Amino acid sequence: MKSNKILLAVLVVLVAVALYFFMNNKTGTLGGRSGVLSDFAFEDTTNIDQIFISDPSGEQVTLIKGDKNWLVNGKHKARPESITVLMKTFNRIAVKSPVEKAAMENVIKEMSTQAIKVEIYESGKKQPSKVYYVGGPTQNHHGTYMLLEEDGEKSSEPFVTYIPGFYGFLSTRFYANELQWRDATVFSYTPSEIKSIEVNFPEKMEESFIIQKNEELVNLFDYQSTEPNKKVDEKLVSDYLTFYQKIYYENVATEMKKEKQDSIKASTPYFTIKVTDVFGNLNQLKGYKIPNKDSLAYYDGNVYPYDLDRMYGYLNDELLIFIQYRSFDALLLPKSYFLKK
């Protein structure tokens, strides 16, 4: 009988301890320590409608959820894949461990000057639901130092965070450069959305052309001609319009010095493409060949002065980018391609 009472007492204590930790975890603290916040994750990310990111260099970006797309600083469509990565991060982020006592002072000191600040807003509220202070990676790069703020209260301690099943650190997901957040789409048109296409090759203008579409009628004009070319294969021209549906650039030339950018823009482009949609909106891209280092590169025993994989692109006279030949080869067909054989 006495042993049963002892066993019952032990069970009561274990249940009390379990309930204590359960309640403390529900309130977003770790181990019940006052002022320590560790509930980084969002159970439901569908209500997140604004994200503000700033880094120690002074760069900052605001991502706002629109009716159809997320917008970068209210101006440009954001990269859908990057937004998806953020939402998965917000949903799955977890605490891997507390920061070791021996490292705590250095981690806090470094985060005070080097942390990326991420404010996450929900349901149109003016105050962020959570604020992350994102530090650097742990020594093994399998965790990221982060500190949490909720309802204006900042945690007294940072933690090592991670995403279960992902081996790497998380700080690279929170970048504040506006250009890197912009959607990489150059052209995205169905044939019915296109009014005209003008393709110019400045070094070979005789191969330049203009395609104009009027309802079901599609005409191709020679450069500076006012009369449609009667020798073209109409099917080839119609098929060409379908090539403009999903064309993307590789990345933005964010690291390039201004002097070099200005030099590229002032040079003669390899091609210029102008697309006007049925609403009268113009979308323009200029492409420039990239010289190989020392003007020499050897492929299969041959010497090539220019990069065979990539070009510079200048989108709508505002954004210098890198583009790949394989994405644009189908658009850079010469006028002679469309002529009947």
C-alpha atoms as a PDB file:
ATOM      1  CA  MET A   1       0.000   0.000   0.000  1.00  0.00           C
ATOM      2  CA  LYS A   2       2.827   2.339   0.917  1.00  0.00           C
ATOM      3  CA  SER A   3       4.596   1.664  -2.395  1.00  0.00           C
ATOM      4  CA  ASN A   4       1.401   2.538  -4.294  1.00  0.00           C
ATOM      5  CA  LYS A   5       1.203   5.904  -2.524  1.00  0.00           C
ATOM      6  CA  ILE A   6       4.825   6.639  -3.432  1.00  0.00           C
ATOM      7  CA  LEU A   7       4.181   5.716  -7.075  1.00  0.00           C
ATOM      8  CA  LEU A   8       1.083   7.935  -7.152  1.00  0.00           C
ATOM      9  CA  ALA A   9       3.054  10.844  -5.700  1.00  0.00           C
ATOM     10  CA  VAL A  10       5.768  10.428  -8.335  1.00  0.00           C
ATOM     11  CA  LEU A  11       3.159  10.403 -11.115  1.00  0.00           C
ATOM     12  CA  VAL A  12       1.560  13.588  -9.763  1.00  0.00           C
ATOM     13  CA  VAL A  13       4.941  15.330  -9.747  1.00  0.00           C
ATOM     14  CA  LEU A  14       5.731  14.205 -13.320  1.00  0.00           C
ATOM     15  CA  VAL A  15       2.349  15.413 -14.584  1.00  0.00           C
ATOM     16  CA  ALA A  16       2.845  18.765 -12.865  1.00  0.00           C
ATOM     17  CA  VAL A  17       6.300  19.166 -14.417  1.00  0.00           C
ATOM     18  CA  ALA A  18       4.989  18.235 -17.869  1.00  0.00           C
ATOM     19  CA  LEU A  19       2.098  20.691 -17.542  1.00  0.00           C
ATOM     20  CA  TYR A  20       4.479  23.423 -16.424  1.00  0.00           C
ATOM     21  CA  PHE A  21       6.715  23.053 -19.474  1.00  0.00           C
ATOM     22  CA  PHE A  22       3.719  22.738 -21.800  1.00  0.00           C
ATOM     23  CA  MET A  23       2.221  25.988 -20.527  1.00  0.00           C
ATOM     24  CA  ASN A  24       5.550  27.798 -20.753  1.00  0.00           C
ATOM     25  CA  ASN A  25       6.116  26.668 -24.330  1.00  0.00           C
ATOM     26  CA  LYS A  26       2.616  27.840 -25.226  1.00  0.00           C
ATOM     27  CA  THR A  27       3.489  31.338 -24.073  1.00  0.00           C
ATOM     28  CA  GLY A  28       6.548  31.466 -26.321  1.00  0.00           C
ATOM     29  CA  THR A  29       9.222  31.239 -23.637  1.00  0.00           C
ATOM     30  CA  LEU A  30      11.922  28.649 -23.355  1.00  0.00           C
ATOM     31  CA  GLY A  31      12.226  26.917 -20.027  1.00  0.00           C
ATOM     32  CA  GLY A  32       9.954  29.506 -18.433  1.00  0.00           C
ATOM     33  CA  ARG A  33      12.711  32.096 -18.120  1.00  0.00           C
ATOM     34  CA  SER A  34      11.248  35.573 -17.865  1.00  0.00           C
ATOM     35  CA  GLY A  35      11.896  37.842 -20.844  1.00  0.00           C
ATOM     36  CA  VAL A  36      13.193  35.013 -23.033  1.00  0.00           C
ATOM     37  CA  LEU A  37      11.213  34.677 -26.285  1.00  0.00           C
ATOM     38  CA  SER A  38      11.692  31.705 -28.583  1.00  0.00           C
ATOM     39  CA  ASP A  39       8.459  31.224 -30.555  1.00  0.00           C
ATOM     40  CA  PHE A  40       9.841  32.291 -33.961  1.00  0.00           C
ATOM     41  CA  ALA A  41       7.487  30.303 -36.203  1.00  0.00           C
ATOM     42  CA  PHE A  42       4.149  31.313 -37.721  1.00  0.00           C
ATOM     43  CA  GLU A  43       1.664  28.451 -37.629  1.00  0.00           C
ATOM     44  CA  ASP A  44      -0.287  30.085 -40.487  1.00  0.00           C
ATOM     45  CA  THR A  45       1.471  32.405 -42.958  1.00  0.00           C
ATOM     46  CA  THR A  46      -1.611  33.279 -45.035  1.00  0.00           C
ATOM     47  CA  ASN A  47      -2.270  36.400 -42.937  1.00  0.00           C
ATOM     48  CA  ILE A  48       1.225  37.815 -43.476  1.00  0.00           C
ATOM     49  CA  ASP A  49       0.790  40.839 -45.752  1.00  0.00           C
ATOM     50  CA  GLN A  50       3.908  42.972 -45.269  1.00  0.00           C
ATOM     51  CA  ILE A  51       7.591  42.323 -44.609  1.00  0.00           C
ATOM     52  CA  PHE A  52      10.245  44.948 -43.945  1.00  0.00           C
ATOM     53  CA  ILE A  53      13.931  43.992 -44.161  1.00  0.00           C
ATOM     54  CA  SER A  54      16.891  46.234 -43.365  1.00  0.00           C
ATOM     55  CA  ASP A  55      20.579  45.398 -43.131  1.00  0.00           C
ATOM     56  CA  PRO A  56      23.584  47.038 -41.415  1.00  0.00           C
ATOM     57  CA  SER A  57      24.735  48.667 -44.677  1.00  0.00           C
ATOM     58  CA  GLY A  58      21.606  50.818 -44.735  1.00  0.00           C
ATOM     59  CA  GLU A  59      19.772  48.956 -47.496  1.00  0.00           C
ATOM     60  CA  GLN A  60      16.111  48.248 -46.873  1.00  0.00           C
ATOM     61  CA  VAL A  61      13.134  46.846 -48.695  1.00  0.00           C
ATOM     62  CA  THR A  62       9.400  46.575 -48.057  1.00  0.00           C
ATOM     63  CA  LEU A  63       7.473  43.639 -49.497  1.00  0.00           C
ATOM     64  CA  ILE A  64       3.726  44.179 -49.696  1.00  0.00           C
ATOM     65  CA  LYS A  65       1.107  41.564 -50.549  1.00  0.00           C
ATOM     66  CA  GLY A  66      -1.124  42.723 -53.403  1.00  0.00           C
ATOM     67  CA  ASP A  67      -4.287  41.249 -54.906  1.00  0.00           C
ATOM     68  CA  LYS A  68      -2.318  39.028 -57.299  1.00  0.00           C
ATOM     69  CA  ASN A  69       1.370  39.479 -56.527  1.00  0.00           C
ATOM     70  CA  TRP A  70       3.750  40.657 -53.855  1.00  0.00           C
ATOM     71  CA  LEU A  71       5.267  44.056 -54.651  1.00  0.00           C
ATOM     72  CA  VAL A  72       8.765  45.369 -53.975  1.00  0.00           C
ATOM     73  CA  ASN A  73       8.597  48.838 -52.404  1.00  0.00           C
ATOM     74  CA  GLY A  74       5.164  49.214 -53.974  1.00  0.00           C
ATOM     75  CA  LYS A  75       6.610  49.437 -57.501  1.00  0.00           C
ATOM     76  CA  HIS A  76       7.694  46.101 -58.973  1.00  0.00           C
ATOM     77  CA  LYS A  77       6.471  42.530 -58.843  1.00  0.00           C
ATOM     78  CA  ALA A  78       8.512  40.446 -56.416  1.00  0.00           C
ATOM     79  CA  ARG A  79      10.150  37.140 -57.289  1.00  0.00           C
ATOM     80  CA  PRO A  80       7.480  34.503 -56.479  1.00  0.00           C
ATOM     81  CA  GLU A  81      10.087  31.866 -55.640  1.00  0.00           C
ATOM     82  CA  SER A  82      11.800  34.150 -53.123  1.00  0.00           C
ATOM     83  CA  ILE A  83       8.495  34.969 -51.420  1.00  0.00           C
ATOM     84  CA  THR A  84       7.752  31.233 -51.214  1.00  0.00           C
ATOM     85  CA  VAL A  85      11.106  30.622 -49.532  1.00  0.00           C
ATOM     86  CA  LEU A  86      10.364  33.341 -46.964  1.00  0.00           C
ATOM     87  CA  MET A  87       6.942  31.916 -46.146  1.00  0.00           C
ATOM     88  CA  LYS A  88       8.348  28.417 -45.704  1.00  0.00           C
ATOM     89  CA  THR A  89      11.032  29.878 -43.442  1.00  0.00           C
ATOM     90  CA  PHE A  90       8.471  31.711 -41.296  1.00  0.00           C
ATOM     91  CA  ASN A  91       6.420  28.541 -40.973  1.00  0.00           C
ATOM     92  CA  ARG A  92       9.172  26.003 -40.268  1.00  0.00           C
ATOM     93  CA  ILE A  93      11.825  27.956 -38.358  1.00  0.00           C
ATOM     94  CA  ALA A  94      12.603  26.426 -34.954  1.00  0.00           C
ATOM     95  CA  VAL A  95      15.018  26.775 -32.064  1.00  0.00           C
ATOM     96  CA  LYS A  96      17.916  24.359 -32.325  1.00  0.00           C
ATOM     97  CA  SER A  97      19.471  25.276 -28.990  1.00  0.00           C
ATOM     98  CA  PRO A  98      20.221  28.153 -26.621  1.00  0.00           C
ATOM     99  CA  VAL A  99      23.431  30.051 -27.251  1.00  0.00           C
ATOM    100  CA  GLU A 100      26.300  28.618 -25.234  1.00  0.00           C
ATOM    101  CA  LYS A 101      27.143  30.752 -22.219  1.00  0.00           C
ATOM    102  CA  ALA A 102      30.767  31.047 -23.301  1.00  0.00           C
ATOM    103  CA  ALA A 103      29.701  32.515 -26.654  1.00  0.00           C
ATOM    104  CA  MET A 104      26.747  34.622 -25.442  1.00  0.00           C
ATOM    105  CA  GLU A 105      28.601  37.902 -24.925  1.00  0.00           C
ATOM    106  CA  ASN A 106      30.285  37.806 -28.353  1.00  0.00           C
ATOM    107  CA  VAL A 107      27.084  36.811 -30.130  1.00  0.00           C
ATOM    108  CA  ILE A 108      25.083  39.656 -28.554  1.00  0.00           C
ATOM    109  CA  LYS A 109      27.873  42.151 -29.274  1.00  0.00           C
ATOM    110  CA  GLU A 110      28.085  41.123 -32.926  1.00  0.00           C
ATOM    111  CA  MET A 111      24.314  41.098 -33.414  1.00  0.00           C
ATOM    112  CA  SER A 112      23.999  44.602 -31.951  1.00  0.00           C
ATOM    113  CA  THR A 113      25.816  46.015 -34.995  1.00  0.00           C
ATOM    114  CA  GLN A 114      25.572  43.354 -37.702  1.00  0.00           C
ATOM    115  CA  ALA A 115      22.084  41.834 -37.418  1.00  0.00           C
ATOM    116  CA  ILE A 116      19.522  42.002 -40.218  1.00  0.00           C
ATOM    117  CA  LYS A 117      16.155  43.259 -38.986  1.00  0.00           C
ATOM    118  CA  VAL A 118      13.019  41.560 -40.318  1.00  0.00           C
ATOM    119  CA  GLU A 119       9.608  42.976 -39.380  1.00  0.00           C
ATOM    120  CA  ILE A 120       6.646  40.715 -40.169  1.00  0.00           C
ATOM    121  CA  TYR A 121       3.124  42.163 -40.284  1.00  0.00           C
ATOM    122  CA  GLU A 122      -0.256  40.416 -40.421  1.00  0.00           C
ATOM    123  CA  SER A 123      -3.819  41.355 -41.405  1.00  0.00           C
ATOM    124  CA  GLY A 124      -3.141  45.021 -42.143  1.00  0.00           C
ATOM    125  CA  LYS A 125      -1.945  45.800 -38.622  1.00  0.00           C
ATOM    126  CA  LYS A 126       0.412  48.744 -38.134  1.00  0.00           C
ATOM    127  CA  GLN A 127       2.562  46.944 -35.564  1.00  0.00           C
ATOM    128  CA  PRO A 128       4.611  43.867 -36.537  1.00  0.00           C
ATOM    129  CA  SER A 129       3.498  40.521 -35.139  1.00  0.00           C
ATOM    130  CA  LYS A 130       7.107  39.410 -34.843  1.00  0.00           C
ATOM    131  CA  VAL A 131      10.494  40.993 -35.425  1.00  0.00           C
ATOM    132  CA  TYR A 132      13.553  38.868 -36.163  1.00  0.00           C
ATOM    133  CA  TYR A 133      17.094  40.070 -35.553  1.00  0.00           C
ATOM    134  CA  VAL A 134      19.111  37.765 -37.783  1.00  0.00           C
ATOM    135  CA  GLY A 135      22.769  37.299 -36.943  1.00  0.00           C
ATOM    136  CA  GLY A 136      25.482  35.205 -38.507  1.00  0.00           C
ATOM    137  CA  PRO A 137      25.882  31.444 -38.764  1.00  0.00           C
ATOM    138  CA  THR A 138      27.170  29.131 -36.080  1.00  0.00           C
ATOM    139  CA  GLN A 139      30.681  27.779 -36.474  1.00  0.00           C
ATOM    140  CA  ASN A 140      29.472  24.613 -38.248  1.00  0.00           C
ATOM    141  CA  HIS A 141      27.078  26.668 -40.472  1.00  0.00           C
ATOM    142  CA  HIS A 142      24.160  24.431 -39.437  1.00  0.00           C
ATOM    143  CA  GLY A 143      22.459  27.101 -37.370  1.00  0.00           C
ATOM    144  CA  THR A 144      21.790  30.844 -37.332  1.00  0.00           C
ATOM    145  CA  TYR A 145      21.883  33.194 -34.363  1.00  0.00           C
ATOM    146  CA  MET A 146      18.563  35.013 -34.060  1.00  0.00           C
ATOM    147  CA  LEU A 147      16.764  37.118 -31.486  1.00  0.00           C
ATOM    148  CA  LEU A 148      12.992  37.601 -31.355  1.00  0.00           C
ATOM    149  CA  GLU A 149      10.822  40.603 -30.550  1.00  0.00           C
ATOM    150  CA  GLU A 150       7.063  40.377 -29.978  1.00  0.00           C
ATOM    151  CA  ASP A 151       4.584  43.148 -29.122  1.00  0.00           C
ATOM    152  CA  GLY A 152       7.441  45.589 -28.696  1.00  0.00           C
ATOM    153  CA  GLU A 153       9.249  43.361 -26.198  1.00  0.00           C
ATOM    154  CA  LYS A 154      12.685  42.171 -27.227  1.00  0.00           C
ATOM    155  CA  SER A 155      13.948  38.827 -25.944  1.00  0.00           C
ATOM    156  CA  SER A 156      16.737  39.029 -23.399  1.00  0.00           C
ATOM    157  CA  GLU A 157      18.598  36.212 -25.154  1.00  0.00           C
ATOM    158  CA  PRO A 158      19.255  35.101 -28.752  1.00  0.00           C
ATOM    159  CA  PHE A 159      18.976  31.493 -29.875  1.00  0.00           C
ATOM    160  CA  VAL A 160      20.440  29.177 -32.462  1.00  0.00           C
ATOM    161  CA  THR A 161      17.701  28.659 -35.048  1.00  0.00           C
ATOM    162  CA  TYR A 162      17.357  26.252 -37.959  1.00  0.00           C
ATOM    163  CA  ILE A 163      14.855  24.596 -40.253  1.00  0.00           C
ATOM    164  CA  PRO A 164      14.431  20.869 -39.579  1.00  0.00           C
ATOM    165  CA  GLY A 165      15.780  18.868 -42.489  1.00  0.00           C
ATOM    166  CA  PHE A 166      17.725  21.818 -43.931  1.00  0.00           C
ATOM    167  CA  TYR A 167      21.499  21.930 -43.479  1.00  0.00           C
ATOM    168  CA  GLY A 168      22.742  25.475 -43.766  1.00  0.00           C
ATOM    169  CA  PHE A 169      22.223  28.930 -42.297  1.00  0.00           C
ATOM    170  CA  LEU A 170      19.241  31.226 -42.800  1.00  0.00           C
ATOM    171  CA  SER A 171      20.629  34.762 -43.010  1.00  0.00           C
ATOM    172  CA  THR A 172      21.003  34.612 -46.815  1.00  0.00           C
ATOM    173  CA  ARG A 173      17.214  34.371 -47.118  1.00  0.00           C
ATOM    174  CA  PHE A 174      16.763  37.844 -45.670  1.00  0.00           C
ATOM    175  CA  TYR A 175      18.379  40.247 -48.127  1.00  0.00           C
ATOM    176  CA  ALA A 176      17.496  43.937 -48.301  1.00  0.00           C
ATOM    177  CA  ASN A 177      18.543  44.815 -51.851  1.00  0.00           C
ATOM    178  CA  GLU A 178      15.498  45.968 -53.832  1.00  0.00           C
ATOM    179  CA  LEU A 179      16.920  44.849 -57.170  1.00  0.00           C
ATOM    180  CA  GLN A 180      17.473  41.288 -55.966  1.00  0.00           C
ATOM    181  CA  TRP A 181      13.828  41.039 -54.921  1.00  0.00           C
ATOM    182  CA  ARG A 182      12.461  42.098 -58.293  1.00  0.00           C
ATOM    183  CA  ASP A 183      10.781  39.464 -60.432  1.00  0.00           C
ATOM    184  CA  ALA A 184      13.188  38.189 -63.103  1.00  0.00           C
ATOM    185  CA  THR A 185      10.609  38.256 -65.904  1.00  0.00           C
ATOM    186  CA  VAL A 186      11.695  40.090 -69.055  1.00  0.00           C
ATOM    187  CA  PHE A 187       8.867  39.084 -71.385  1.00  0.00           C
ATOM    188  CA  SER A 188       5.646  37.303 -70.463  1.00  0.00           C
ATOM    189  CA  TYR A 189       3.074  37.582 -73.247  1.00  0.00           C
ATOM    190  CA  THR A 190       0.603  35.296 -74.913  1.00  0.00           C
ATOM    191  CA  PRO A 191       0.289  35.964 -78.683  1.00  0.00           C
ATOM    192  CA  SER A 192      -3.089  37.609 -78.118  1.00  0.00           C
ATOM    193  CA  GLU A 193      -1.494  40.192 -75.791  1.00  0.00           C
ATOM    194  CA  ILE A 194       1.100  41.348 -78.336  1.00  0.00           C
ATOM    195  CA  LYS A 195       0.448  44.336 -80.597  1.00  0.00           C
ATOM    196  CA  SER A 196       3.920  44.606 -82.166  1.00  0.00           C
ATOM    197  CA  ILE A 197       7.499  43.392 -81.882  1.00  0.00           C
ATOM    198  CA  GLU A 198      10.533  45.246 -83.196  1.00  0.00           C
ATOM    199  CA  VAL A 199      13.885  43.449 -83.349  1.00  0.00           C
ATOM    200  CA  ASN A 200      16.983  45.396 -84.384  1.00  0.00           C
ATOM    201  CA  PHE A 201      20.533  44.193 -84.986  1.00  0.00           C
ATOM    202  CA  PRO A 202      22.580  47.448 -85.169  1.00  0.00           C
ATOM    203  CA  GLU A 203      25.579  45.711 -86.743  1.00  0.00           C
ATOM    204  CA  LYS A 204      23.404  44.002 -89.348  1.00  0.00           C
ATOM    205  CA  MET A 205      20.333  46.161 -89.889  1.00  0.00           C
ATOM    206  CA  GLU A 206      19.255  44.265 -93.028  1.00  0.00           C
ATOM    207  CA  GLU A 207      18.250  41.386 -90.723  1.00  0.00           C
ATOM    208  CA  SER A 208      16.128  43.636 -88.503  1.00  0.00           C
ATOM    209  CA  PHE A 209      12.348  43.447 -88.691  1.00  0.00           C
ATOM    210  CA  ILE A 210       9.020  44.570 -87.235  1.00  0.00           C
ATOM    211  CA  ILE A 211       6.016  42.331 -86.635  1.00  0.00           C
ATOM    212  CA  GLN A 212       2.629  43.996 -86.363  1.00  0.00           C
ATOM    213  CA  LYS A 213      -0.566  42.230 -85.392  1.00  0.00           C
ATOM    214  CA  ASN A 214      -4.049  43.496 -86.187  1.00  0.00           C
ATOM    215  CA  GLU A 215      -6.654  41.083 -84.831  1.00  0.00           C
ATOM    216  CA  GLU A 216      -5.936  37.843 -86.731  1.00  0.00           C
ATOM    217  CA  LEU A 217      -3.686  39.463 -89.333  1.00  0.00           C
ATOM    218  CA  VAL A 218       0.068  39.266 -88.645  1.00  0.00           C
ATOM    219  CA  ASN A 219       2.525  41.131 -90.897  1.00  0.00           C
ATOM    220  CA  LEU A 220       6.314  41.329 -90.960  1.00  0.00           C
ATOM    221  CA  PHE A 221       8.008  44.506 -92.192  1.00  0.00           C
ATOM    222  CA  ASP A 222      11.590  44.986 -93.255  1.00  0.00           C
ATOM    223  CA  TYR A 223      13.540  47.613 -91.351  1.00  0.00           C
ATOM    224  CA  GLN A 224      12.227  51.111 -92.272  1.00  0.00           C
ATOM    225  CA  SER A 225       9.738  49.637 -94.753  1.00  0.00           C
ATOM    226  CA  THR A 226       6.096  50.741 -94.794  1.00  0.00           C
ATOM    227  CA  GLU A 227       4.876  47.750 -96.784  1.00  0.00           C
ATOM    228  CA  PRO A 228       4.600  44.180 -95.412  1.00  0.00           C
ATOM    229  CA  ASN A 229       7.121  41.684 -96.762  1.00  0.00           C
ATOM    230  CA  LYS A 230       5.213  39.372 -99.141  1.00  0.00           C
ATOM    231  CA  LYS A 231       7.881  36.642 -99.069  1.00  0.00           C
ATOM    232  CA  VAL A 232       7.509  35.637 -95.431  1.00  0.00           C
ATOM    233  CA  ASP A 233       6.233  32.306 -94.154  1.00  0.00           C
ATOM    234  CA  GLU A 234       3.185  33.356 -92.125  1.00  0.00           C
ATOM    235  CA  LYS A 235       3.282  30.249 -89.932  1.00  0.00           C
ATOM    236  CA  LEU A 236       6.866  30.960 -88.867  1.00  0.00           C
ATOM    237  CA  VAL A 237       5.873  34.498 -87.943  1.00  0.00           C
ATOM    238  CA  SER A 238       2.850  33.324 -85.940  1.00  0.00           C
ATOM    239  CA  ASP A 239       4.930  30.680 -84.170  1.00  0.00           C
ATOM    240  CA  TYR A 240       7.519  33.329 -83.308  1.00  0.00           C
ATOM    241  CA  LEU A 241       4.958  35.205 -81.197  1.00  0.00           C
ATOM    242  CA  THR A 242       4.635  32.178 -78.896  1.00  0.00           C
ATOM    243  CA  PHE A 243       8.328  32.452 -77.895  1.00  0.00           C
ATOM    244  CA  TYR A 244       7.644  35.491 -75.694  1.00  0.00           C
ATOM    245  CA  GLN A 245       5.636  33.736 -73.008  1.00  0.00           C
ATOM    246  CA  LYS A 246       8.299  32.920 -70.392  1.00  0.00           C
ATOM    247  CA  ILE A 247      11.588  34.780 -70.765  1.00  0.00           C
ATOM    248  CA  TYR A 248      13.646  35.577 -67.663  1.00  0.00           C
ATOM    249  CA  TYR A 249      16.946  37.223 -66.850  1.00  0.00           C
ATOM    250  CA  GLU A 250      19.625  35.455 -64.816  1.00  0.00           C
ATOM    251  CA  ASN A 251      20.398  38.103 -62.184  1.00  0.00           C
ATOM    252  CA  VAL A 252      20.968  41.817 -61.629  1.00  0.00           C
ATOM    253  CA  ALA A 253      24.440  43.354 -61.991  1.00  0.00           C
ATOM    254  CA  THR A 254      24.383  44.672 -58.420  1.00  0.00           C
ATOM    255  CA  GLU A 255      28.136  44.318 -57.828  1.00  0.00           C
ATOM    256  CA  MET A 256      29.229  46.134 -60.987  1.00  0.00           C
ATOM    257  CA  LYS A 257      30.814  49.560 -60.573  1.00  0.00           C
ATOM    258  CA  LYS A 258      28.913  52.528 -61.975  1.00  0.00           C
ATOM    259  CA  GLU A 259      31.734  53.440 -64.362  1.00  0.00           C
ATOM    260  CA  LYS A 260      31.557  50.022 -66.005  1.00  0.00           C
ATOM    261  CA  GLN A 261      27.764  50.122 -66.160  1.00  0.00           C
ATOM    262  CA  ASP A 262      27.889  53.518 -67.872  1.00  0.00           C
ATOM    263  CA  SER A 263      30.451  52.214 -70.374  1.00  0.00           C
ATOM    264  CA  ILE A 264      28.235  49.254 -71.297  1.00  0.00           C
ATOM    265  CA  LYS A 265      25.141  51.421 -71.718  1.00  0.00           C
ATOM    266  CA  ALA A 266      27.034  53.855 -73.959  1.00  0.00           C
ATOM    267  CA  SER A 267      28.274  51.100 -76.294  1.00  0.00           C
ATOM    268  CA  THR A 268      26.439  49.782 -79.370  1.00  0.00           C
ATOM    269  CA  PRO A 269      24.091  46.928 -78.424  1.00  0.00           C
ATOM    270  CA  TYR A 270      24.164  43.570 -80.145  1.00  0.00           C
ATOM    271  CA  PHE A 271      20.366  43.679 -80.352  1.00  0.00           C
ATOM    272  CA  THR A 272      17.335  45.664 -79.250  1.00  0.00           C
ATOM    273  CA  ILE A 273      13.878  44.147 -78.738  1.00  0.00           C
ATOM    274  CA  LYS A 274      10.788  46.302 -78.259  1.00  0.00           C
ATOM    275  CA  VAL A 275       7.450  44.693 -77.437  1.00  0.00           C
ATOM    276  CA  THR A 276       4.246  46.733 -77.347  1.00  0.00           C
ATOM    277  CA  ASP A 277       1.171  45.064 -75.878  1.00  0.00           C
ATOM    278  CA  VAL A 278      -2.471  45.609 -76.881  1.00  0.00           C
ATOM    279  CA  PHE A 279      -2.819  48.275 -74.170  1.00  0.00           C
ATOM    280  CA  GLY A 280       0.025  50.335 -75.611  1.00  0.00           C
ATOM    281  CA  ASN A 281       2.620  49.445 -72.938  1.00  0.00           C
ATOM    282  CA  LEU A 282       6.217  49.273 -74.202  1.00  0.00           C
ATOM    283  CA  ASN A 283       8.760  46.745 -72.883  1.00  0.00           C
ATOM    284  CA  GLN A 284      12.318  47.118 -74.185  1.00  0.00           C
ATOM    285  CA  LEU A 285      15.531  45.128 -73.809  1.00  0.00           C
ATOM    286  CA  LYS A 286      18.986  45.902 -75.162  1.00  0.00           C
ATOM    287  CA  GLY A 287      21.604  43.154 -75.249  1.00  0.00           C
ATOM    288  CA  TYR A 288      25.388  43.604 -75.164  1.00  0.00           C
ATOM    289  CA  LYS A 289      28.070  40.985 -75.754  1.00  0.00           C
ATOM    290  CA  ILE A 290      30.412  40.271 -72.856  1.00  0.00           C
ATOM    291  CA  PRO A 291      34.116  40.308 -73.802  1.00  0.00           C
ATOM    292  CA  ASN A 292      36.084  37.322 -72.587  1.00  0.00           C
ATOM    293  CA  LYS A 293      39.043  38.005 -70.341  1.00  0.00           C
ATOM    294  CA  ASP A 294      42.093  39.062 -72.342  1.00  0.00           C
ATOM    295  CA  SER A 295      39.771  38.895 -75.392  1.00  0.00           C
ATOM    296  CA  LEU A 296      40.580  35.190 -75.665  1.00  0.00           C
ATOM    297  CA  ALA A 297      38.760  32.029 -74.676  1.00  0.00           C
ATOM    298  CA  TYR A 298      39.355  28.573 -76.064  1.00  0.00           C
ATOM    299  CA  TYR A 299      36.479  26.241 -76.876  1.00  0.00           C
ATOM    300  CA  ASP A 300      37.114  23.110 -78.921  1.00  0.00           C
ATOM    301  CA  GLY A 301      40.411  24.562 -80.120  1.00  0.00           C
ATOM    302  CA  ASN A 302      38.860  27.794 -81.373  1.00  0.00           C
ATOM    303  CA  VAL A 303      39.346  31.328 -80.096  1.00  0.00           C
ATOM    304  CA  TYR A 304      36.296  33.427 -79.172  1.00  0.00           C
ATOM    305  CA  PRO A 305      36.471  37.092 -78.135  1.00  0.00           C
ATOM    306  CA  TYR A 306      33.044  37.058 -76.442  1.00  0.00           C
ATOM    307  CA  ASP A 307      31.304  34.971 -73.821  1.00  0.00           C
ATOM    308  CA  LEU A 308      29.260  32.251 -75.504  1.00  0.00           C
ATOM    309  CA  ASP A 309      26.841  31.726 -72.627  1.00  0.00           C
ATOM    310  CA  ARG A 310      25.852  35.122 -71.273  1.00  0.00           C
ATOM    311  CA  MET A 311      25.246  38.741 -72.287  1.00  0.00           C
ATOM    312  CA  TYR A 312      24.567  41.987 -70.491  1.00  0.00           C
ATOM    313  CA  GLY A 313      21.003  43.213 -70.754  1.00  0.00           C
ATOM    314  CA  TYR A 314      19.582  46.699 -70.164  1.00  0.00           C
ATOM    315  CA  LEU A 315      15.896  46.452 -69.345  1.00  0.00           C
ATOM    316  CA  ASN A 316      13.665  49.453 -70.033  1.00  0.00           C
ATOM    317  CA  ASP A 317      16.638  51.808 -69.678  1.00  0.00           C
ATOM    318  CA  GLU A 318      16.711  51.292 -65.909  1.00  0.00           C
ATOM    319  CA  LEU A 319      18.052  47.870 -64.930  1.00  0.00           C
ATOM    320  CA  LEU A 320      21.379  46.312 -65.952  1.00  0.00           C
ATOM    321  CA  ILE A 321      21.142  42.531 -65.859  1.00  0.00           C
ATOM    322  CA  PHE A 322      22.798  39.316 -67.008  1.00  0.00           C
ATOM    323  CA  ILE A 323      20.919  37.214 -69.562  1.00  0.00           C
ATOM    324  CA  GLN A 324      21.645  33.812 -71.081  1.00  0.00           C
ATOM    325  CA  TYR A 325      21.834  33.060 -74.794  1.00  0.00           C
ATOM    326  CA  ARG A 326      19.831  29.877 -74.334  1.00  0.00           C
ATOM    327  CA  SER A 327      16.884  31.951 -73.069  1.00  0.00           C
ATOM    328  CA  PHE A 328      17.044  34.457 -75.913  1.00  0.00           C
ATOM    329  CA  ASP A 329      18.279  32.513 -78.946  1.00  0.00           C
ATOM    330  CA  ALA A 330      14.716  31.856 -80.130  1.00  0.00           C
ATOM    331  CA  LEU A 331      13.954  35.596 -80.011  1.00  0.00           C
ATOM    332  CA  LEU A 332      17.092  36.633 -81.904  1.00  0.00           C
ATOM    333  CA  LEU A 333      16.166  35.093 -85.219  1.00  0.00           C
ATOM    334  CA  PRO A 334      17.151  37.179 -88.281  1.00  0.00           C
ATOM    335  CA  LYS A 335      14.607  38.420 -90.795  1.00  0.00           C
ATOM    336  CA  SER A 336      15.881  35.903 -93.354  1.00  0.00           C
ATOM    337  CA  TYR A 337      14.659  33.069 -91.092  1.00  0.00           C
ATOM    338  CA  PHE A 338      11.044  34.029 -91.832  1.00  0.00           C
ATOM    339  CA  LEU A 339      11.379  34.129 -95.639  1.00  0.00           C
ATOM    340  CA  LYS A 340       9.938  31.331 -97.733  1.00  0.00           C
ATOM    341  CA  LYS A 341      12.581  28.974 -99.013  1.00  0.00           C
END
